[in-house]
Amino acid sequence: MRQAHRLLALLVIGLLIWACESGSAWEGRYVAQPGQDPAGAVTLILQADGKGQWVVEQESTPLRWEERSGALWLHLKTGGVMVAQTIPAQGVLTIELPGVGTLLLRKSIQ
């Protein structure tokens, strides 16, 4: 009986550890809809380690990202911060860019 309790306890601990290690659903590659941004093609890459890249045309800027109050905060290495509003059901992020308007980024399957 004691052995069964130990086995059950180990199983529960294992499940809790596995659940805590799961990554964010926002990790991945996001692209702006074609023709949406006059500045050119925009890609956002969110990595599992909280790092990523903001890519416009061929120019890439490293960033850190975090989830805060239902939004993603993108801390650019150049010093700026962008806040992406999330639409979880559609796998979409929206970002307000001064002078450009709202940029819609959709999660890419690649």
PDB file of N, CA and C in Angstrom:
ATOM      1  N   MET A   1       0.817  -1.193   0.000  1.00  0.00           N
ATOM      2  CA  MET A   1       0.000   0.000   0.000  1.00  0.00           C
ATOM      3  C   MET A   1       0.865   1.263   0.000  1.00  0.00           C
ATOM      4  N   ARG A   2       1.944   1.252   0.793  1.00  0.00           N
ATOM      5  CA  ARG A   2       2.843   2.405   0.845  1.00  0.00           C
ATOM      6  C   ARG A   2       3.491   2.646  -0.504  1.00  0.00           C
ATOM      7  N   GLN A   3       3.806   1.564  -1.177  1.00  0.00           N
ATOM      8  CA  GLN A   3       4.456   1.666  -2.482  1.00  0.00           C
ATOM      9  C   GLN A   3       3.491   2.310  -3.499  1.00  0.00           C
ATOM     10  N   ALA A   4       2.234   1.991  -3.411  1.00  0.00           N
ATOM     11  CA  ALA A   4       1.233   2.587  -4.309  1.00  0.00           C
ATOM     12  C   ALA A   4       1.096   4.080  -4.038  1.00  0.00           C
ATOM     13  N   HIS A   5       1.142   4.498  -2.773  1.00  0.00           N
ATOM     14  CA  HIS A   5       1.057   5.916  -2.420  1.00  0.00           C
ATOM     15  C   HIS A   5       2.273   6.668  -2.942  1.00  0.00           C
ATOM     16  N   ARG A   6       3.448   6.052  -2.820  1.00  0.00           N
ATOM     17  CA  ARG A   6       4.673   6.692  -3.321  1.00  0.00           C
ATOM     18  C   ARG A   6       4.612   6.854  -4.843  1.00  0.00           C
ATOM     19  N   LEU A   7       4.144   5.824  -5.499  1.00  0.00           N
ATOM     20  CA  LEU A   7       4.033   5.879  -6.953  1.00  0.00           C
ATOM     21  C   LEU A   7       3.043   6.964  -7.377  1.00  0.00           C
ATOM     22  N   LEU A   8       1.927   7.042  -6.688  1.00  0.00           N
ATOM     23  CA  LEU A   8       0.930   8.068  -6.982  1.00  0.00           C
ATOM     24  C   LEU A   8       1.502   9.465  -6.739  1.00  0.00           C
ATOM     25  N   ALA A   9       2.226   9.648  -5.649  1.00  0.00           N
ATOM     26  CA  ALA A   9       2.835  10.943  -5.328  1.00  0.00           C
ATOM     27  C   ALA A   9       3.851  11.335  -6.399  1.00  0.00           C
ATOM     28  N   LEU A  10       4.665  10.403  -6.844  1.00  0.00           N
ATOM     29  CA  LEU A  10       5.640  10.687  -7.894  1.00  0.00           C
ATOM     30  C   LEU A  10       4.949  11.059  -9.207  1.00  0.00           C
ATOM     31  N   LEU A  11       3.861  10.390  -9.496  1.00  0.00           N
ATOM     32  CA  LEU A  11       3.110  10.684 -10.710  1.00  0.00           C
ATOM     33  C   LEU A  11       2.532  12.105 -10.663  1.00  0.00           C
ATOM     34  N   VAL A  12       1.962  12.476  -9.530  1.00  0.00           N
ATOM     35  CA  VAL A  12       1.384  13.817  -9.375  1.00  0.00           C
ATOM     36  C   VAL A  12       2.480  14.877  -9.483  1.00  0.00           C
ATOM     37  N   ILE A  13       3.624  14.670  -8.856  1.00  0.00           N
ATOM     38  CA  ILE A  13       4.735  15.622  -8.926  1.00  0.00           C
ATOM     39  C   ILE A  13       5.224  15.754 -10.364  1.00  0.00           C
ATOM     40  N   GLY A  14       5.343  14.636 -11.057  1.00  0.00           N
ATOM     41  CA  GLY A  14       5.771  14.666 -12.458  1.00  0.00           C
ATOM     42  C   GLY A  14       4.820  15.462 -13.334  1.00  0.00           C
ATOM     43  N   LEU A  15       3.519  15.273 -13.131  1.00  0.00           N
ATOM     44  CA  LEU A  15       2.529  16.025 -13.906  1.00  0.00           C
ATOM     45  C   LEU A  15       2.598  17.523 -13.614  1.00  0.00           C
ATOM     46  N   LEU A  16       2.803  17.883 -12.363  1.00  0.00           N
ATOM     47  CA  LEU A  16       2.913  19.302 -12.005  1.00  0.00           C
ATOM     48  C   LEU A  16       4.147  19.933 -12.640  1.00  0.00           C
ATOM     49  N   ILE A  17       5.258  19.245 -12.618  1.00  0.00           N
ATOM     50  CA  ILE A  17       6.483  19.761 -13.242  1.00  0.00           C
ATOM     51  C   ILE A  17       6.274  19.924 -14.737  1.00  0.00           C
ATOM     52  N   TRP A  18       5.679  18.936 -15.385  1.00  0.00           N
ATOM     53  CA  TRP A  18       5.435  19.003 -16.822  1.00  0.00           C
ATOM     54  C   TRP A  18       4.520  20.176 -17.167  1.00  0.00           C
ATOM     55  N   ALA A  19       3.494  20.405 -16.366  1.00  0.00           N
ATOM     56  CA  ALA A  19       2.549  21.493 -16.620  1.00  0.00           C
ATOM     57  C   ALA A  19       3.220  22.853 -16.465  1.00  0.00           C
ATOM     58  N   CYS A  20       4.130  22.992 -15.528  1.00  0.00           N
ATOM     59  CA  CYS A  20       4.811  24.265 -15.300  1.00  0.00           C
ATOM     60  C   CYS A  20       5.823  24.580 -16.397  1.00  0.00           C
ATOM     61  N   GLU A  21       6.338  23.586 -17.067  1.00  0.00           N
ATOM     62  CA  GLU A  21       7.352  23.797 -18.088  1.00  0.00           C
ATOM     63  C   GLU A  21       6.780  24.092 -19.463  1.00  0.00           C
ATOM     64  N   SER A  22       5.477  24.027 -19.624  1.00  0.00           N
ATOM     65  CA  SER A  22       4.915  24.276 -20.949  1.00  0.00           C
ATOM     66  C   SER A  22       5.148  25.728 -21.340  1.00  0.00           C
ATOM     67  N   GLY A  23       5.450  25.971 -22.609  1.00  0.00           N
ATOM     68  CA  GLY A  23       5.763  27.304 -23.094  1.00  0.00           C
ATOM     69  C   GLY A  23       4.512  28.121 -23.348  1.00  0.00           C
ATOM     70  N   SER A  24       4.744  29.324 -23.787  1.00  0.00           N
ATOM     71  CA  SER A  24       3.646  30.229 -24.101  1.00  0.00           C
ATOM     72  C   SER A  24       3.028  29.868 -25.444  1.00  0.00           C
ATOM     73  N   ALA A  25       1.745  30.050 -25.553  1.00  0.00           N
ATOM     74  CA  ALA A  25       1.060  29.795 -26.819  1.00  0.00           C
ATOM     75  C   ALA A  25       1.433  30.848 -27.859  1.00  0.00           C
ATOM     76  N   TRP A  26       2.091  31.931 -27.439  1.00  0.00           N
ATOM     77  CA  TRP A  26       2.434  33.016 -28.361  1.00  0.00           C
ATOM     78  C   TRP A  26       3.774  32.822 -29.054  1.00  0.00           C
ATOM     79  N   GLU A  27       4.537  31.820 -28.678  1.00  0.00           N
ATOM     80  CA  GLU A  27       5.813  31.574 -29.347  1.00  0.00           C
ATOM     81  C   GLU A  27       5.563  31.256 -30.811  1.00  0.00           C
ATOM     82  N   GLY A  28       6.423  31.753 -31.680  1.00  0.00           N
ATOM     83  CA  GLY A  28       6.290  31.458 -33.094  1.00  0.00           C
ATOM     84  C   GLY A  28       6.613  32.648 -33.972  1.00  0.00           C
ATOM     85  N   ARG A  29       6.251  32.513 -35.220  1.00  0.00           N
ATOM     86  CA  ARG A  29       6.530  33.532 -36.244  1.00  0.00           C
ATOM     87  C   ARG A  29       5.208  34.190 -36.658  1.00  0.00           C
ATOM     88  N   TYR A  30       5.200  35.523 -36.696  1.00  0.00           N
ATOM     89  CA  TYR A  30       4.020  36.294 -37.061  1.00  0.00           C
ATOM     90  C   TYR A  30       4.373  37.189 -38.254  1.00  0.00           C
ATOM     91  N   VAL A  31       3.469  37.289 -39.186  1.00  0.00           N
ATOM     92  CA  VAL A  31       3.704  38.131 -40.366  1.00  0.00           C
ATOM     93  C   VAL A  31       2.532  39.081 -40.568  1.00  0.00           C
ATOM     94  N   ALA A  32       2.863  40.279 -41.060  1.00  0.00           N
ATOM     95  CA  ALA A  32       1.823  41.253 -41.388  1.00  0.00           C
ATOM     96  C   ALA A  32       1.161  40.827 -42.683  1.00  0.00           C
ATOM     97  N   GLN A  33      -0.082  41.163 -42.832  1.00  0.00           N
ATOM     98  CA  GLN A  33      -0.813  40.844 -44.054  1.00  0.00           C
ATOM     99  C   GLN A  33      -0.187  41.602 -45.223  1.00  0.00           C
ATOM    100  N   PRO A  34      -0.062  40.973 -46.386  1.00  0.00           N
ATOM    101  CA  PRO A  34       0.570  41.617 -47.544  1.00  0.00           C
ATOM    102  C   PRO A  34      -0.049  42.973 -47.857  1.00  0.00           C
ATOM    103  N   GLY A  35       0.815  43.952 -48.098  1.00  0.00           N
ATOM    104  CA  GLY A  35       0.362  45.284 -48.459  1.00  0.00           C
ATOM    105  C   GLY A  35      -0.164  46.115 -47.305  1.00  0.00           C
ATOM    106  N   GLN A  36      -0.126  45.579 -46.089  1.00  0.00           N
ATOM    107  CA  GLN A  36      -0.689  46.291 -44.951  1.00  0.00           C
ATOM    108  C   GLN A  36       0.233  47.401 -44.453  1.00  0.00           C
ATOM    109  N   ASP A  37       1.539  47.183 -44.489  1.00  0.00           N
ATOM    110  CA  ASP A  37       2.467  48.151 -43.929  1.00  0.00           C
ATOM    111  C   ASP A  37       3.239  48.864 -45.040  1.00  0.00           C
ATOM    112  N   PRO A  38       3.110  50.187 -45.134  1.00  0.00           N
ATOM    113  CA  PRO A  38       3.826  50.914 -46.182  1.00  0.00           C
ATOM    114  C   PRO A  38       5.337  50.847 -46.003  1.00  0.00           C
ATOM    115  N   ALA A  39       5.818  50.529 -44.812  1.00  0.00           N
ATOM    116  CA  ALA A  39       7.258  50.445 -44.565  1.00  0.00           C
ATOM    117  C   ALA A  39       7.854  49.171 -45.164  1.00  0.00           C
ATOM    118  N   GLY A  40       7.035  48.212 -45.516  1.00  0.00           N
ATOM    119  CA  GLY A  40       7.527  46.960 -46.088  1.00  0.00           C
ATOM    120  C   GLY A  40       7.045  45.761 -45.306  1.00  0.00           C
ATOM    121  N   ALA A  41       7.561  44.595 -45.685  1.00  0.00           N
ATOM    122  CA  ALA A  41       7.169  43.346 -45.037  1.00  0.00           C
ATOM    123  C   ALA A  41       7.631  43.334 -43.580  1.00  0.00           C
ATOM    124  N   VAL A  42       6.721  42.975 -42.676  1.00  0.00           N
ATOM    125  CA  VAL A  42       7.033  42.940 -41.246  1.00  0.00           C
ATOM    126  C   VAL A  42       6.846  41.515 -40.739  1.00  0.00           C
ATOM    127  N   THR A  43       7.853  41.028 -40.006  1.00  0.00           N
ATOM    128  CA  THR A  43       7.803  39.712 -39.373  1.00  0.00           C
ATOM    129  C   THR A  43       8.209  39.870 -37.915  1.00  0.00           C
ATOM    130  N   LEU A  44       7.505  39.194 -37.034  1.00  0.00           N
ATOM    131  CA  LEU A  44       7.828  39.164 -35.609  1.00  0.00           C
ATOM    132  C   LEU A  44       8.088  37.718 -35.245  1.00  0.00           C
ATOM    133  N   ILE A  45       9.254  37.454 -34.638  1.00  0.00           N
ATOM    134  CA  ILE A  45       9.605  36.102 -34.216  1.00  0.00           C
ATOM    135  C   ILE A  45       9.708  36.103 -32.695  1.00  0.00           C
ATOM    136  N   LEU A  46       8.880  35.273 -32.043  1.00  0.00           N
ATOM    137  CA  LEU A  46       8.881  35.147 -30.585  1.00  0.00           C
ATOM    138  C   LEU A  46       9.422  33.770 -30.220  1.00  0.00           C
ATOM    139  N   GLN A  47      10.551  33.748 -29.517  1.00  0.00           N
ATOM    140  CA  GLN A  47      11.192  32.493 -29.133  1.00  0.00           C
ATOM    141  C   GLN A  47      10.788  32.094 -27.722  1.00  0.00           C
ATOM    142  N   ALA A  48      11.008  30.824 -27.409  1.00  0.00           N
ATOM    143  CA  ALA A  48      10.598  30.265 -26.118  1.00  0.00           C
ATOM    144  C   ALA A  48      11.317  30.902 -24.937  1.00  0.00           C
ATOM    145  N   ASP A  49      12.506  31.428 -25.135  1.00  0.00           N
ATOM    146  CA  ASP A  49      13.294  31.971 -24.033  1.00  0.00           C
ATOM    147  C   ASP A  49      12.988  33.433 -23.716  1.00  0.00           C
ATOM    148  N   GLY A  50      11.906  33.976 -24.307  1.00  0.00           N
ATOM    149  CA  GLY A  50      11.551  35.365 -24.065  1.00  0.00           C
ATOM    150  C   GLY A  50      12.329  36.339 -24.935  1.00  0.00           C
ATOM    151  N   LYS A  51      13.036  35.816 -25.905  1.00  0.00           N
ATOM    152  CA  LYS A  51      13.768  36.658 -26.846  1.00  0.00           C
ATOM    153  C   LYS A  51      13.076  36.581 -28.194  1.00  0.00           C
ATOM    154  N   GLY A  52      13.484  37.447 -29.108  1.00  0.00           N
ATOM    155  CA  GLY A  52      12.878  37.414 -30.422  1.00  0.00           C
ATOM    156  C   GLY A  52      13.517  38.401 -31.369  1.00  0.00           C
ATOM    157  N   GLN A  53      12.847  38.614 -32.497  1.00  0.00           N
ATOM    158  CA  GLN A  53      13.324  39.512 -33.544  1.00  0.00           C
ATOM    159  C   GLN A  53      12.144  40.271 -34.136  1.00  0.00           C
ATOM    160  N   TRP A  54      12.341  41.542 -34.419  1.00  0.00           N
ATOM    161  CA  TRP A  54      11.401  42.377 -35.161  1.00  0.00           C
ATOM    162  C   TRP A  54      12.082  42.625 -36.493  1.00  0.00           C
ATOM    163  N   VAL A  55      11.495  42.142 -37.579  1.00  0.00           N
ATOM    164  CA  VAL A  55      12.138  42.225 -38.891  1.00  0.00           C
ATOM    165  C   VAL A  55      11.260  43.045 -39.828  1.00  0.00           C
ATOM    166  N   VAL A  56      11.841  44.121 -40.385  1.00  0.00           N
ATOM    167  CA  VAL A  56      11.167  44.932 -41.397  1.00  0.00           C
ATOM    168  C   VAL A  56      12.056  44.874 -42.633  1.00  0.00           C
ATOM    169  N   GLU A  57      11.466  44.336 -43.725  1.00  0.00           N
ATOM    170  CA  GLU A  57      12.233  44.069 -44.948  1.00  0.00           C
ATOM    171  C   GLU A  57      13.411  43.172 -44.568  1.00  0.00           C
ATOM    172  N   GLN A  58      14.633  43.643 -44.721  1.00  0.00           N
ATOM    173  CA  GLN A  58      15.805  42.826 -44.396  1.00  0.00           C
ATOM    174  C   GLN A  58      16.497  43.277 -43.107  1.00  0.00           C
ATOM    175  N   GLU A  59      15.941  44.267 -42.418  1.00  0.00           N
ATOM    176  CA  GLU A  59      16.550  44.794 -41.210  1.00  0.00           C
ATOM    177  C   GLU A  59      15.931  44.159 -39.972  1.00  0.00           C
ATOM    178  N   SER A  60      16.784  43.600 -39.109  1.00  0.00           N
ATOM    179  CA  SER A  60      16.320  42.858 -37.935  1.00  0.00           C
ATOM    180  C   SER A  60      16.761  43.555 -36.641  1.00  0.00           C
ATOM    181  N   THR A  61      15.843  43.651 -35.690  1.00  0.00           N
ATOM    182  CA  THR A  61      16.136  44.225 -34.380  1.00  0.00           C
ATOM    183  C   THR A  61      15.825  43.195 -33.301  1.00  0.00           C
ATOM    184  N   PRO A  62      16.813  42.853 -32.461  1.00  0.00           N
ATOM    185  CA  PRO A  62      16.563  41.905 -31.363  1.00  0.00           C
ATOM    186  C   PRO A  62      15.605  42.511 -30.336  1.00  0.00           C
ATOM    187  N   LEU A  63      14.873  41.637 -29.657  1.00  0.00           N
ATOM    188  CA  LEU A  63      13.950  42.105 -28.622  1.00  0.00           C
ATOM    189  C   LEU A  63      13.783  41.059 -27.535  1.00  0.00           C
ATOM    190  N   ARG A  64      13.255  41.525 -26.413  1.00  0.00           N
ATOM    191  CA  ARG A  64      12.777  40.643 -25.340  1.00  0.00           C
ATOM    192  C   ARG A  64      11.271  40.808 -25.310  1.00  0.00           C
ATOM    193  N   TRP A  65      10.551  39.741 -24.940  1.00  0.00           N
ATOM    194  CA  TRP A  65       9.092  39.858 -24.863  1.00  0.00           C
ATOM    195  C   TRP A  65       8.579  39.190 -23.604  1.00  0.00           C
ATOM    196  N   GLU A  66       7.431  39.686 -23.149  1.00  0.00           N
ATOM    197  CA  GLU A  66       6.787  39.121 -21.959  1.00  0.00           C
ATOM    198  C   GLU A  66       5.280  39.330 -22.065  1.00  0.00           C
ATOM    199  N   GLU A  67       4.548  38.449 -21.404  1.00  0.00           N
ATOM    200  CA  GLU A  67       3.093  38.587 -21.333  1.00  0.00           C
ATOM    201  C   GLU A  67       2.756  39.403 -20.096  1.00  0.00           C
ATOM    202  N   ARG A  68       1.913  40.417 -20.287  1.00  0.00           N
ATOM    203  CA  ARG A  68       1.485  41.266 -19.177  1.00  0.00           C
ATOM    204  C   ARG A  68       0.038  41.665 -19.385  1.00  0.00           C
ATOM    205  N   SER A  69      -0.809  41.315 -18.460  1.00  0.00           N
ATOM    206  CA  SER A  69      -2.222  41.736 -18.481  1.00  0.00           C
ATOM    207  C   SER A  69      -2.901  41.478 -19.824  1.00  0.00           C
ATOM    208  N   GLY A  70      -2.698  40.312 -20.388  1.00  0.00           N
ATOM    209  CA  GLY A  70      -3.355  39.942 -21.637  1.00  0.00           C
ATOM    210  C   GLY A  70      -2.738  40.545 -22.890  1.00  0.00           C
ATOM    211  N   ALA A  71      -1.583  41.194 -22.748  1.00  0.00           N
ATOM    212  CA  ALA A  71      -0.895  41.777 -23.901  1.00  0.00           C
ATOM    213  C   ALA A  71       0.546  41.272 -23.921  1.00  0.00           C
ATOM    214  N   LEU A  72       1.207  41.440 -25.055  1.00  0.00           N
ATOM    215  CA  LEU A  72       2.626  41.095 -25.157  1.00  0.00           C
ATOM    216  C   LEU A  72       3.419  42.394 -25.214  1.00  0.00           C
ATOM    217  N   TRP A  73       4.372  42.523 -24.313  1.00  0.00           N
ATOM    218  CA  TRP A  73       5.237  43.694 -24.289  1.00  0.00           C
ATOM    219  C   TRP A  73       6.524  43.322 -25.008  1.00  0.00           C
ATOM    220  N   LEU A  74       6.842  44.086 -26.035  1.00  0.00           N
ATOM    221  CA  LEU A  74       8.027  43.847 -26.855  1.00  0.00           C
ATOM    222  C   LEU A  74       9.052  44.935 -26.534  1.00  0.00           C
ATOM    223  N   HIS A  75      10.146  44.547 -25.887  1.00  0.00           N
ATOM    224  CA  HIS A  75      11.205  45.473 -25.491  1.00  0.00           C
ATOM    225  C   HIS A  75      12.316  45.389 -26.538  1.00  0.00           C
ATOM    226  N   LEU A  76      12.378  46.386 -27.404  1.00  0.00           N
ATOM    227  CA  LEU A  76      13.381  46.391 -28.466  1.00  0.00           C
ATOM    228  C   LEU A  76      14.757  46.732 -27.912  1.00  0.00           C
ATOM    229  N   LYS A  77      15.786  46.121 -28.485  1.00  0.00           N
ATOM    230  CA  LYS A  77      17.150  46.380 -28.033  1.00  0.00           C
ATOM    231  C   LYS A  77      17.522  47.849 -28.244  1.00  0.00           C
ATOM    232  N   THR A  78      16.887  48.495 -29.206  1.00  0.00           N
ATOM    233  CA  THR A  78      17.157  49.912 -29.473  1.00  0.00           C
ATOM    234  C   THR A  78      16.571  50.826 -28.394  1.00  0.00           C
ATOM    235  N   GLY A  79      15.801  50.275 -27.463  1.00  0.00           N
ATOM    236  CA  GLY A  79      15.286  51.052 -26.342  1.00  0.00           C
ATOM    237  C   GLY A  79      13.789  51.279 -26.347  1.00  0.00           C
ATOM    238  N   GLY A  80      13.121  51.031 -27.447  1.00  0.00           N
ATOM    239  CA  GLY A  80      11.683  51.235 -27.512  1.00  0.00           C
ATOM    240  C   GLY A  80      10.896  50.062 -26.959  1.00  0.00           C
ATOM    241  N   VAL A  81       9.633  50.331 -26.656  1.00  0.00           N
ATOM    242  CA  VAL A  81       8.714  49.288 -26.196  1.00  0.00           C
ATOM    243  C   VAL A  81       7.439  49.384 -27.028  1.00  0.00           C
ATOM    244  N   MET A  82       6.997  48.242 -27.543  1.00  0.00           N
ATOM    245  CA  MET A  82       5.717  48.173 -28.251  1.00  0.00           C
ATOM    246  C   MET A  82       4.831  47.206 -27.477  1.00  0.00           C
ATOM    247  N   VAL A  83       3.555  47.528 -27.400  1.00  0.00           N
ATOM    248  CA  VAL A  83       2.601  46.652 -26.725  1.00  0.00           C
ATOM    249  C   VAL A  83       1.677  46.063 -27.782  1.00  0.00           C
ATOM    250  N   ALA A  84       1.717  44.738 -27.890  1.00  0.00           N
ATOM    251  CA  ALA A  84       0.874  44.029 -28.853  1.00  0.00           C
ATOM    252  C   ALA A  84      -0.363  43.498 -28.138  1.00  0.00           C
ATOM    253  N   GLN A  85      -1.535  43.895 -28.601  1.00  0.00           N
ATOM    254  CA  GLN A  85      -2.781  43.361 -28.069  1.00  0.00           C
ATOM    255  C   GLN A  85      -2.995  41.978 -28.688  1.00  0.00           C
ATOM    256  N   THR A  86      -3.485  41.049 -27.911  1.00  0.00           N
ATOM    257  CA  THR A  86      -3.637  39.672 -28.377  1.00  0.00           C
ATOM    258  C   THR A  86      -5.088  39.338 -28.697  1.00  0.00           C
ATOM    259  N   ILE A  87      -5.255  38.522 -29.725  1.00  0.00           N
ATOM    260  CA  ILE A  87      -6.560  37.948 -30.065  1.00  0.00           C
ATOM    261  C   ILE A  87      -6.330  36.443 -30.123  1.00  0.00           C
ATOM    262  N   PRO A  88      -6.368  35.774 -28.947  1.00  0.00           N
ATOM    263  CA  PRO A  88      -5.992  34.361 -28.852  1.00  0.00           C
ATOM    264  C   PRO A  88      -6.762  33.427 -29.784  1.00  0.00           C
ATOM    265  N   ALA A  89      -8.049  33.620 -29.936  1.00  0.00           N
ATOM    266  CA  ALA A  89      -8.854  32.705 -30.752  1.00  0.00           C
ATOM    267  C   ALA A  89      -8.426  32.700 -32.214  1.00  0.00           C
ATOM    268  N   GLN A  90      -7.801  33.782 -32.667  1.00  0.00           N
ATOM    269  CA  GLN A  90      -7.406  33.888 -34.071  1.00  0.00           C
ATOM    270  C   GLN A  90      -5.899  33.798 -34.273  1.00  0.00           C
ATOM    271  N   GLY A  91      -5.112  33.717 -33.180  1.00  0.00           N
ATOM    272  CA  GLY A  91      -3.658  33.700 -33.300  1.00  0.00           C
ATOM    273  C   GLY A  91      -3.140  34.986 -33.908  1.00  0.00           C
ATOM    274  N   VAL A  92      -3.697  36.108 -33.454  1.00  0.00           N
ATOM    275  CA  VAL A  92      -3.390  37.407 -34.052  1.00  0.00           C
ATOM    276  C   VAL A  92      -2.883  38.364 -32.980  1.00  0.00           C
ATOM    277  N   LEU A  93      -1.940  39.219 -33.384  1.00  0.00           N
ATOM    278  CA  LEU A  93      -1.449  40.307 -32.555  1.00  0.00           C
ATOM    279  C   LEU A  93      -1.711  41.617 -33.298  1.00  0.00           C
ATOM    280  N   THR A  94      -2.111  42.652 -32.571  1.00  0.00           N
ATOM    281  CA  THR A  94      -2.261  43.971 -33.180  1.00  0.00           C
ATOM    282  C   THR A  94      -1.356  44.949 -32.437  1.00  0.00           C
ATOM    283  N   ILE A  95      -0.709  45.812 -33.213  1.00  0.00           N
ATOM    284  CA  ILE A  95       0.206  46.797 -32.639  1.00  0.00           C
ATOM    285  C   ILE A  95      -0.115  48.157 -33.254  1.00  0.00           C
ATOM    286  N   GLU A  96      -0.277  49.166 -32.393  1.00  0.00           N
ATOM    287  CA  GLU A  96      -0.482  50.539 -32.858  1.00  0.00           C
ATOM    288  C   GLU A  96       0.891  51.155 -33.107  1.00  0.00           C
ATOM    289  N   LEU A  97       1.154  51.541 -34.367  1.00  0.00           N
ATOM    290  CA  LEU A  97       2.417  52.173 -34.726  1.00  0.00           C
ATOM    291  C   LEU A  97       2.164  53.641 -35.051  1.00  0.00           C
ATOM    292  N   PRO A  98       2.830  54.555 -34.336  1.00  0.00           N
ATOM    293  CA  PRO A  98       2.642  55.989 -34.587  1.00  0.00           C
ATOM    294  C   PRO A  98       2.947  56.329 -36.051  1.00  0.00           C
ATOM    295  N   GLY A  99       2.055  57.075 -36.668  1.00  0.00           N
ATOM    296  CA  GLY A  99       2.238  57.491 -38.043  1.00  0.00           C
ATOM    297  C   GLY A  99       1.895  56.434 -39.080  1.00  0.00           C
ATOM    298  N   VAL A 100       1.627  55.202 -38.630  1.00  0.00           N
ATOM    299  CA  VAL A 100       1.298  54.106 -39.550  1.00  0.00           C
ATOM    300  C   VAL A 100      -0.111  53.605 -39.314  1.00  0.00           C
ATOM    301  N   GLY A 101      -0.471  53.451 -38.043  1.00  0.00           N
ATOM    302  CA  GLY A 101      -1.785  52.923 -37.686  1.00  0.00           C
ATOM    303  C   GLY A 101      -1.669  51.548 -37.051  1.00  0.00           C
ATOM    304  N   THR A 102      -2.717  50.763 -37.169  1.00  0.00           N
ATOM    305  CA  THR A 102      -2.748  49.442 -36.558  1.00  0.00           C
ATOM    306  C   THR A 102      -2.142  48.413 -37.497  1.00  0.00           C
ATOM    307  N   LEU A 103      -1.163  47.685 -36.976  1.00  0.00           N
ATOM    308  CA  LEU A 103      -0.521  46.607 -37.724  1.00  0.00           C
ATOM    309  C   LEU A 103      -1.062  45.279 -37.197  1.00  0.00           C
ATOM    310  N   LEU A 104      -1.590  44.443 -38.070  1.00  0.00           N
ATOM    311  CA  LEU A 104      -2.143  43.150 -37.693  1.00  0.00           C
ATOM    312  C   LEU A 104      -1.134  42.071 -38.087  1.00  0.00           C
ATOM    313  N   LEU A 105      -0.682  41.290 -37.120  1.00  0.00           N
ATOM    314  CA  LEU A 105       0.269  40.207 -37.352  1.00  0.00           C
ATOM    315  C   LEU A 105      -0.417  38.878 -37.082  1.00  0.00           C
ATOM    316  N   ARG A 106      -0.383  38.003 -38.064  1.00  0.00           N
ATOM    317  CA  ARG A 106      -1.023  36.696 -37.947  1.00  0.00           C
ATOM    318  C   ARG A 106       0.043  35.619 -37.791  1.00  0.00           C
ATOM    319  N   LYS A 107      -0.218  34.653 -36.904  1.00  0.00           N
ATOM    320  CA  LYS A 107       0.736  33.572 -36.670  1.00  0.00           C
ATOM    321  C   LYS A 107       0.892  32.731 -37.944  1.00  0.00           C
ATOM    322  N   SER A 108       2.136  32.492 -38.296  1.00  0.00           N
ATOM    323  CA  SER A 108       2.464  31.722 -39.480  1.00  0.00           C
ATOM    324  C   SER A 108       2.637  30.265 -39.110  1.00  0.00           C
ATOM    325  N   ILE A 109       2.276  29.377 -40.019  1.00  0.00           N
ATOM    326  CA  ILE A 109       2.396  27.929 -39.756  1.00  0.00           C
ATOM    327  C   ILE A 109       3.842  27.459 -39.889  1.00  0.00           C
ATOM    328  N   GLN A 110       4.673  28.197 -40.586  1.00  0.00           N
ATOM    329  CA  GLN A 110       6.080  27.792 -40.787  1.00  0.00           C
ATOM    330  C   GLN A 110       6.792  27.641 -39.504  1.00  0.00           C
TER     331      GLN A 110
END
